[in-house]
Amino acid sequence: MKKTNRVLITGGAGFIGSNFIPYFLQSNPESQVINLDKLTYAGNLSYLEEVAMNPNYKFVKGDIVDSEGLEAIFMEYEINQVIHFAAESHVDNSISGPQEFINTNIVGTFLLLDTARKFWMTKPGQYKSDYEGSRFLHISTDEVFGSLSLADTELFKETTPYAPNSPYSASKASGDFLVRSYFHTFGMDVVTTNCSNNYGPKQHGEKLIPTIIRKALNKEPIPIYGDGRNIRDWLYVLDHCRGIELAFNNGRSGETYNIGGGNEQTNIEIANSLCEILDRKRPLEKGSYKQFIEFVKDRPGHDRRYAIDASKITTELNWLADEYLASGLEKTVDWYLEYSL
């Protein structure tokens, strides 16, 4: 008889987590999901109303830096799987206040790993009989790899050396290395995914795409850092959710998988595209929303280009991004027009 997966999902009320949980419960109806979230400013339980009454879903308010709280959750729910989203993630905030990033992204990841290890394993390389097959999936970012040149055709691979340039990316890199160490030292079943820039419904208003939409609709200056030519590889959040599920269910233990949308765009191109969509859907009396675009002083350490080589997850796990950038941006604008910012 197959054991029930009792999956602890950390940070499930955040942007990616609140998209992932409904998707995961629908595609894995036999699994039980315990959503642990601190409900900081970036967490929103209203984004999970569709699963609130699902008997296989439970929300627990708590913090991954609370080791006693983590132990109590593992005991009460007999957690045998972990999918770890919880993180401080806004680069600007990591510049103005890095300590919270160190606490959550490094200390919190360590405490979560170590709680799982102690609960699942008797000694290095040996799982308790009831917890054979337990897995820890860690969600990370392409920012750990640093920056690519605008002139390059190079892409970030799983083997690219880490070179983080912000307190945020440095804290995520540290978490990645901790996860790696628990595989090599303790024989713990871990998998890491490193994703490119996500976009789509439910993203917090501080991020680039929601900021552009909100500022445009309010007829306020739309701030674009520097010359606007910084390039990001844009990944629709539900494509990312599929990749995470595949890595969780079928990824090889100890491996990392890059997940990228293959949609390289400059920030100014993204801003122009969003303004054009809004021009059609919510036209101004006169002119285009592009008139509100304003270049502002660049942020410190602003990486010039990120781009993901997703060939490993494509080859091994048969993952491909389904969403084209144009249609994904259209869906994103539609969501924000309906639910506002």
Protein backbone atom coordinates (compact mmCIF):
# COMPACT_ATOMS: atom_id res chain seq x y z
CA MET A 1 0.00 0.00 0.00
CA LYS A 2 1.39 3.38 -1.03
CA LYS A 3 2.10 5.73 1.85
CA THR A 4 0.26 9.04 1.97
CA ASN A 5 2.51 11.98 1.24
CA ARG A 6 2.25 14.45 4.11
CA VAL A 7 3.90 17.43 2.49
CA LEU A 8 5.10 20.44 4.44
CA ILE A 9 5.09 23.40 2.05
CA THR A 10 6.82 26.44 3.51
CA GLY A 11 5.92 29.91 2.29
CA GLY A 12 2.77 28.64 0.64
CA ALA A 13 0.94 31.96 0.98
CA GLY A 14 3.53 33.76 -1.13
CA PHE A 15 3.47 34.33 -4.87
CA ILE A 16 4.79 31.02 -6.19
CA GLY A 17 3.55 28.94 -3.26
CA SER A 18 -0.04 30.18 -3.56
CA ASN A 19 -0.01 29.21 -7.23
CA PHE A 20 1.66 25.88 -6.51
CA ILE A 21 -0.58 24.57 -3.72
CA PRO A 22 -3.88 24.54 -5.70
CA TYR A 23 -2.04 23.05 -8.68
CA PHE A 24 -0.37 20.38 -6.53
CA LEU A 25 -3.54 19.40 -4.67
CA GLN A 26 -5.39 19.00 -7.95
CA SER A 27 -2.68 16.87 -9.56
CA ASN A 28 -1.86 14.94 -6.36
CA PRO A 29 -5.28 14.44 -4.74
CA GLU A 30 -3.96 11.67 -2.47
CA SER A 31 -1.41 13.99 -0.82
CA GLN A 32 -1.94 16.00 2.35
CA VAL A 33 -0.52 19.53 2.33
CA ILE A 34 0.45 21.49 5.43
CA ASN A 35 1.18 25.10 4.50
CA LEU A 36 3.53 26.81 6.94
CA ASP A 37 3.73 30.54 6.41
CA LYS A 38 4.76 33.44 8.62
CA LEU A 39 2.32 35.74 6.76
CA THR A 40 4.74 38.61 6.34
CA TYR A 41 3.73 41.47 4.06
CA ALA A 42 4.28 39.21 1.02
CA GLY A 43 1.96 36.42 2.18
CA ASN A 44 -1.75 36.50 1.43
CA LEU A 45 -4.16 33.75 2.51
CA SER A 46 -6.90 35.14 0.27
CA TYR A 47 -4.92 33.71 -2.64
CA LEU A 48 -5.62 30.23 -1.24
CA GLU A 49 -9.38 30.52 -0.73
CA GLU A 50 -9.96 27.94 -3.45
CA VAL A 51 -8.31 25.22 -1.32
CA ALA A 52 -9.27 26.46 2.16
CA MET A 53 -12.03 23.86 2.52
CA ASN A 54 -10.08 21.01 0.95
CA PRO A 55 -9.81 18.25 3.60
CA ASN A 56 -6.25 17.55 2.47
CA TYR A 57 -5.11 21.14 3.11
CA LYS A 58 -4.10 22.69 6.42
CA PHE A 59 -2.66 26.14 7.10
CA VAL A 60 -0.31 26.69 10.03
CA LYS A 61 0.98 30.16 10.85
CA GLY A 62 4.61 29.95 11.90
CA ASP A 63 8.21 30.81 11.18
CA ILE A 64 10.91 28.49 9.83
CA VAL A 65 13.43 30.04 12.24
CA ASP A 66 11.36 28.66 15.15
CA SER A 67 13.00 25.27 15.69
CA GLU A 68 10.54 24.17 18.40
CA GLY A 69 7.63 25.10 16.17
CA LEU A 70 9.10 23.09 13.31
CA GLU A 71 9.59 20.04 15.52
CA ALA A 72 5.99 20.28 16.72
CA ILE A 73 4.69 20.41 13.13
CA PHE A 74 6.77 17.40 12.07
CA MET A 75 5.49 15.48 15.09
CA GLU A 76 1.82 16.44 14.82
CA TYR A 77 1.46 15.90 11.08
CA GLU A 78 4.13 13.17 10.67
CA ILE A 79 5.68 15.15 7.82
CA ASN A 80 7.40 12.90 5.29
CA GLN A 81 8.02 15.40 2.45
CA VAL A 82 9.13 19.04 2.34
CA ILE A 83 8.80 21.61 -0.46
CA HIS A 84 10.62 24.72 0.68
CA PHE A 85 9.52 28.05 -0.83
CA ALA A 86 9.77 30.28 2.24
CA ALA A 87 12.24 33.10 1.62
CA GLU A 88 12.78 36.80 1.74
CA SER A 89 13.06 37.58 -1.95
CA HIS A 90 13.03 41.27 -2.86
CA VAL A 91 16.53 42.44 -3.81
CA ASP A 92 15.87 46.09 -2.93
CA ASN A 93 14.81 45.07 0.58
CA SER A 94 17.97 42.99 0.98
CA ILE A 95 20.02 46.10 0.27
CA SER A 96 18.20 48.26 2.81
CA GLY A 97 17.81 45.52 5.45
CA PRO A 98 19.88 42.38 4.85
CA GLN A 99 19.57 40.79 8.31
CA GLU A 100 16.10 39.36 7.73
CA PHE A 101 17.42 37.67 4.56
CA ILE A 102 20.22 36.03 6.55
CA ASN A 103 17.78 34.86 9.23
CA THR A 104 15.13 33.41 6.91
CA ASN A 105 17.10 32.24 3.89
CA ILE A 106 20.11 30.80 5.71
CA VAL A 107 19.19 30.07 9.33
CA GLY A 108 15.61 29.11 8.46
CA THR A 109 16.73 26.76 5.69
CA PHE A 110 19.25 25.13 8.03
CA LEU A 111 16.69 24.61 10.79
CA LEU A 112 14.18 23.14 8.35
CA LEU A 113 16.79 20.79 6.88
CA ASP A 114 18.02 19.67 10.26
CA THR A 115 14.53 19.12 11.65
CA ALA A 116 13.72 16.93 8.64
CA ARG A 117 17.01 15.03 9.02
CA LYS A 118 16.45 14.30 12.69
CA PHE A 119 12.83 13.31 12.11
CA TRP A 120 13.47 11.08 9.08
CA MET A 121 16.90 9.54 9.64
CA THR A 122 18.62 7.42 12.28
CA LYS A 123 22.17 8.13 11.07
CA PRO A 124 23.91 9.33 7.90
CA GLY A 125 22.71 7.29 4.96
CA GLN A 126 19.94 5.52 6.88
CA TYR A 127 16.28 6.51 6.90
CA LYS A 128 13.79 5.31 9.50
CA SER A 129 11.60 2.58 8.01
CA ASP A 130 8.48 4.76 8.04
CA TYR A 131 10.27 7.57 6.23
CA GLU A 132 11.93 5.78 3.33
CA GLY A 133 11.34 7.90 0.26
CA SER A 134 11.13 11.18 2.19
CA ARG A 135 12.43 14.08 0.14
CA PHE A 136 13.39 17.72 0.69
CA LEU A 137 12.84 19.97 -2.35
CA HIS A 138 14.47 23.40 -2.13
CA ILE A 139 13.30 26.25 -4.39
CA SER A 140 16.05 28.68 -5.33
CA THR A 141 16.86 31.33 -7.92
CA ASP A 142 19.09 32.00 -10.92
CA GLU A 143 20.45 35.06 -9.11
CA VAL A 144 22.92 32.83 -7.26
CA PHE A 145 24.91 32.60 -10.52
CA GLY A 146 25.58 36.34 -10.70
CA SER A 147 25.38 38.25 -13.95
CA LEU A 148 25.87 37.50 -17.64
CA SER A 149 27.13 40.07 -20.11
CA LEU A 150 24.55 41.68 -22.39
CA ALA A 151 26.73 40.71 -25.34
CA ASP A 152 26.95 37.03 -24.34
CA THR A 153 24.97 34.14 -25.73
CA GLU A 154 25.98 32.19 -22.61
CA LEU A 155 23.28 30.71 -20.37
CA PHE A 156 23.29 29.68 -16.72
CA LYS A 157 23.73 25.92 -16.41
CA GLU A 158 23.48 23.79 -13.29
CA THR A 159 27.31 23.66 -13.36
CA THR A 160 27.78 27.45 -13.57
CA PRO A 161 29.89 28.65 -10.62
CA TYR A 162 28.00 30.66 -8.03
CA ALA A 163 28.75 34.40 -7.95
CA PRO A 164 25.94 36.15 -6.02
CA ASN A 165 25.98 39.95 -6.10
CA SER A 166 23.29 41.01 -3.61
CA PRO A 167 22.54 40.08 0.01
CA TYR A 168 19.43 38.32 -1.31
CA SER A 169 21.28 36.15 -3.82
CA ALA A 170 24.10 35.50 -1.35
CA SER A 171 21.60 34.28 1.24
CA LYS A 172 19.91 32.01 -1.31
CA ALA A 173 23.31 30.67 -2.42
CA SER A 174 24.08 29.85 1.19
CA GLY A 175 20.81 27.94 1.47
CA ASP A 176 21.62 26.03 -1.71
CA PHE A 177 24.99 24.99 -0.32
CA LEU A 178 23.41 23.84 2.95
CA VAL A 179 20.98 21.65 1.03
CA ARG A 180 23.85 20.23 -1.02
CA SER A 181 25.82 19.49 2.16
CA TYR A 182 22.95 17.48 3.66
CA PHE A 183 23.00 15.23 0.61
CA HIS A 184 26.75 14.68 0.60
CA THR A 185 27.22 14.49 4.39
CA PHE A 186 24.05 12.82 5.61
CA GLY A 187 22.77 11.04 2.50
CA MET A 188 19.52 12.98 2.74
CA ASP A 189 17.26 12.87 -0.32
CA VAL A 190 17.33 16.47 -1.53
CA VAL A 191 16.64 18.21 -4.83
CA THR A 192 17.16 21.89 -5.67
CA THR A 193 15.54 23.93 -8.43
CA ASN A 194 16.89 27.28 -9.60
CA CYS A 195 14.34 29.34 -11.51
CA SER A 196 14.42 32.46 -13.62
CA ASN A 197 12.19 35.51 -13.02
CA ASN A 198 8.63 34.40 -12.33
CA TYR A 199 5.59 36.43 -13.33
CA GLY A 200 1.84 35.89 -13.29
CA PRO A 201 -1.17 36.16 -10.99
CA LYS A 202 -0.79 36.75 -7.23
CA GLN A 203 2.64 38.38 -7.36
CA HIS A 204 3.28 40.99 -4.68
CA GLY A 205 3.00 44.59 -5.83
CA GLU A 206 6.65 45.41 -5.07
CA LYS A 207 7.93 43.37 -8.04
CA LEU A 208 8.60 44.82 -11.49
CA ILE A 209 5.55 43.68 -13.47
CA PRO A 210 2.91 44.47 -10.80
CA THR A 211 4.65 47.81 -10.17
CA ILE A 212 4.45 48.73 -13.85
CA ILE A 213 0.76 47.81 -14.04
CA ARG A 214 -0.14 49.61 -10.82
CA LYS A 215 1.81 52.78 -11.61
CA ALA A 216 0.36 52.91 -15.12
CA LEU A 217 -3.23 52.53 -13.94
CA ASN A 218 -2.66 55.23 -11.31
CA LYS A 219 -1.07 57.50 -13.96
CA GLU A 220 2.07 57.71 -11.86
CA PRO A 221 5.70 57.59 -13.01
CA ILE A 222 6.71 54.02 -13.93
CA PRO A 223 10.25 53.66 -12.52
CA ILE A 224 12.74 51.74 -14.65
CA TYR A 225 16.23 51.31 -13.22
CA GLY A 226 19.24 52.64 -15.13
CA ASP A 227 18.99 52.41 -18.90
CA GLY A 228 16.28 49.74 -18.81
CA ARG A 229 18.46 47.29 -20.72
CA ASN A 230 18.87 44.76 -17.91
CA ILE A 231 17.74 41.41 -19.29
CA ARG A 232 15.74 38.76 -17.46
CA ASP A 233 14.47 35.35 -18.55
CA TRP A 234 10.73 35.44 -17.80
CA LEU A 235 8.97 32.28 -16.57
CA TYR A 236 5.19 32.06 -16.18
CA VAL A 237 4.45 30.92 -12.66
CA LEU A 238 2.27 27.92 -13.60
CA ASP A 239 5.01 26.63 -15.91
CA HIS A 240 7.31 26.88 -12.91
CA CYS A 241 4.80 24.97 -10.77
CA ARG A 242 4.82 22.09 -13.26
CA GLY A 243 8.61 22.03 -13.19
CA ILE A 244 8.67 21.97 -9.39
CA GLU A 245 6.22 19.07 -9.29
CA LEU A 246 8.27 17.09 -11.81
CA ALA A 247 11.47 17.69 -9.84
CA PHE A 248 9.70 16.68 -6.62
CA ASN A 249 8.20 13.49 -8.04
CA ASN A 250 10.86 12.40 -10.52
CA GLY A 251 14.07 14.38 -10.02
CA ARG A 252 17.26 12.51 -9.16
CA SER A 253 18.36 12.77 -5.55
CA GLY A 254 21.14 15.28 -4.96
CA GLU A 255 20.63 16.99 -8.31
CA THR A 256 19.80 20.57 -9.19
CA TYR A 257 17.49 21.55 -12.06
CA ASN A 258 17.35 24.95 -13.73
CA ILE A 259 13.85 26.07 -14.74
CA GLY A 260 13.66 28.97 -17.19
CA GLY A 261 11.06 30.30 -19.57
CA GLY A 262 13.39 30.94 -22.51
CA ASN A 263 11.91 34.45 -22.72
CA GLU A 264 14.75 36.96 -22.51
CA GLN A 265 13.48 40.53 -22.41
CA THR A 266 14.89 43.82 -21.24
CA ASN A 267 13.05 45.65 -18.49
CA ILE A 268 12.09 48.44 -20.87
CA GLU A 269 10.68 45.91 -23.34
CA ILE A 270 8.55 44.43 -20.55
CA ALA A 271 7.34 47.90 -19.58
CA ASN A 272 6.45 48.76 -23.17
CA SER A 273 4.61 45.46 -23.69
CA LEU A 274 2.55 45.94 -20.53
CA CYS A 275 1.69 49.50 -21.49
CA GLU A 276 0.54 48.33 -24.93
CA ILE A 277 -1.72 45.70 -23.35
CA LEU A 278 -3.18 48.32 -21.01
CA ASP A 279 -3.65 50.71 -23.95
CA ARG A 280 -5.98 48.11 -25.46
CA LYS A 281 -7.73 46.94 -22.32
CA ARG A 282 -8.01 50.18 -20.32
CA PRO A 283 -7.30 52.99 -22.83
CA LEU A 284 -6.49 56.49 -21.69
CA GLU A 285 -8.47 59.44 -23.01
CA LYS A 286 -5.29 60.62 -24.69
CA GLY A 287 -1.96 59.01 -25.43
CA SER A 288 -0.32 55.82 -24.23
CA TYR A 289 0.63 54.56 -20.80
CA LYS A 290 4.21 54.63 -22.11
CA GLN A 291 4.25 58.36 -21.38
CA PHE A 292 4.57 57.50 -17.67
CA ILE A 293 7.79 55.49 -18.08
CA GLU A 294 10.66 57.18 -16.25
CA PHE A 295 14.28 56.08 -15.93
CA VAL A 296 15.60 56.30 -12.36
CA LYS A 297 18.98 55.86 -10.70
CA ASP A 298 20.12 52.26 -10.93
CA ARG A 299 20.18 50.14 -7.80
CA PRO A 300 23.56 49.01 -6.38
CA GLY A 301 24.92 45.77 -7.82
CA HIS A 302 22.16 45.47 -10.42
CA ASP A 303 22.94 42.35 -12.48
CA ARG A 304 22.81 42.99 -16.22
CA ARG A 305 21.51 39.70 -17.57
CA TYR A 306 20.09 36.40 -16.35
CA ALA A 307 19.31 33.57 -18.75
CA ILE A 308 18.63 29.92 -17.96
CA ASP A 309 19.62 26.78 -19.82
CA ALA A 310 16.71 24.47 -18.98
CA SER A 311 17.90 21.58 -21.16
CA LYS A 312 18.58 19.28 -18.20
CA ILE A 313 15.01 19.35 -16.84
CA THR A 314 13.72 19.10 -20.41
CA THR A 315 15.85 16.05 -21.20
CA GLU A 316 15.49 14.24 -17.87
CA LEU A 317 11.96 15.16 -16.80
CA ASN A 318 10.29 16.13 -20.10
CA TRP A 319 9.50 19.67 -18.93
CA LEU A 320 8.90 22.52 -21.37
CA ALA A 321 7.45 25.96 -20.76
CA ASP A 322 3.97 26.10 -22.28
CA GLU A 323 3.23 29.80 -21.92
CA TYR A 324 4.43 32.31 -24.49
CA LEU A 325 5.51 35.62 -22.97
CA ALA A 326 2.91 37.63 -24.90
CA SER A 327 0.00 35.46 -23.75
CA GLY A 328 1.40 35.18 -20.22
CA LEU A 329 1.64 38.96 -19.88
CA GLU A 330 -1.91 39.25 -21.21
CA LYS A 331 -3.18 36.79 -18.57
CA THR A 332 -1.22 38.62 -15.89
CA VAL A 333 -2.70 42.01 -16.81
CA ASP A 334 -6.20 40.49 -16.90
CA TRP A 335 -5.72 39.11 -13.37
CA TYR A 336 -4.55 42.44 -11.96
CA LEU A 337 -7.35 44.33 -13.71
CA GLU A 338 -9.85 41.97 -12.09
CA TYR A 339 -8.35 41.77 -8.61
CA SER A 340 -6.60 45.18 -8.55
CA LEU A 341 -3.28 45.98 -6.87
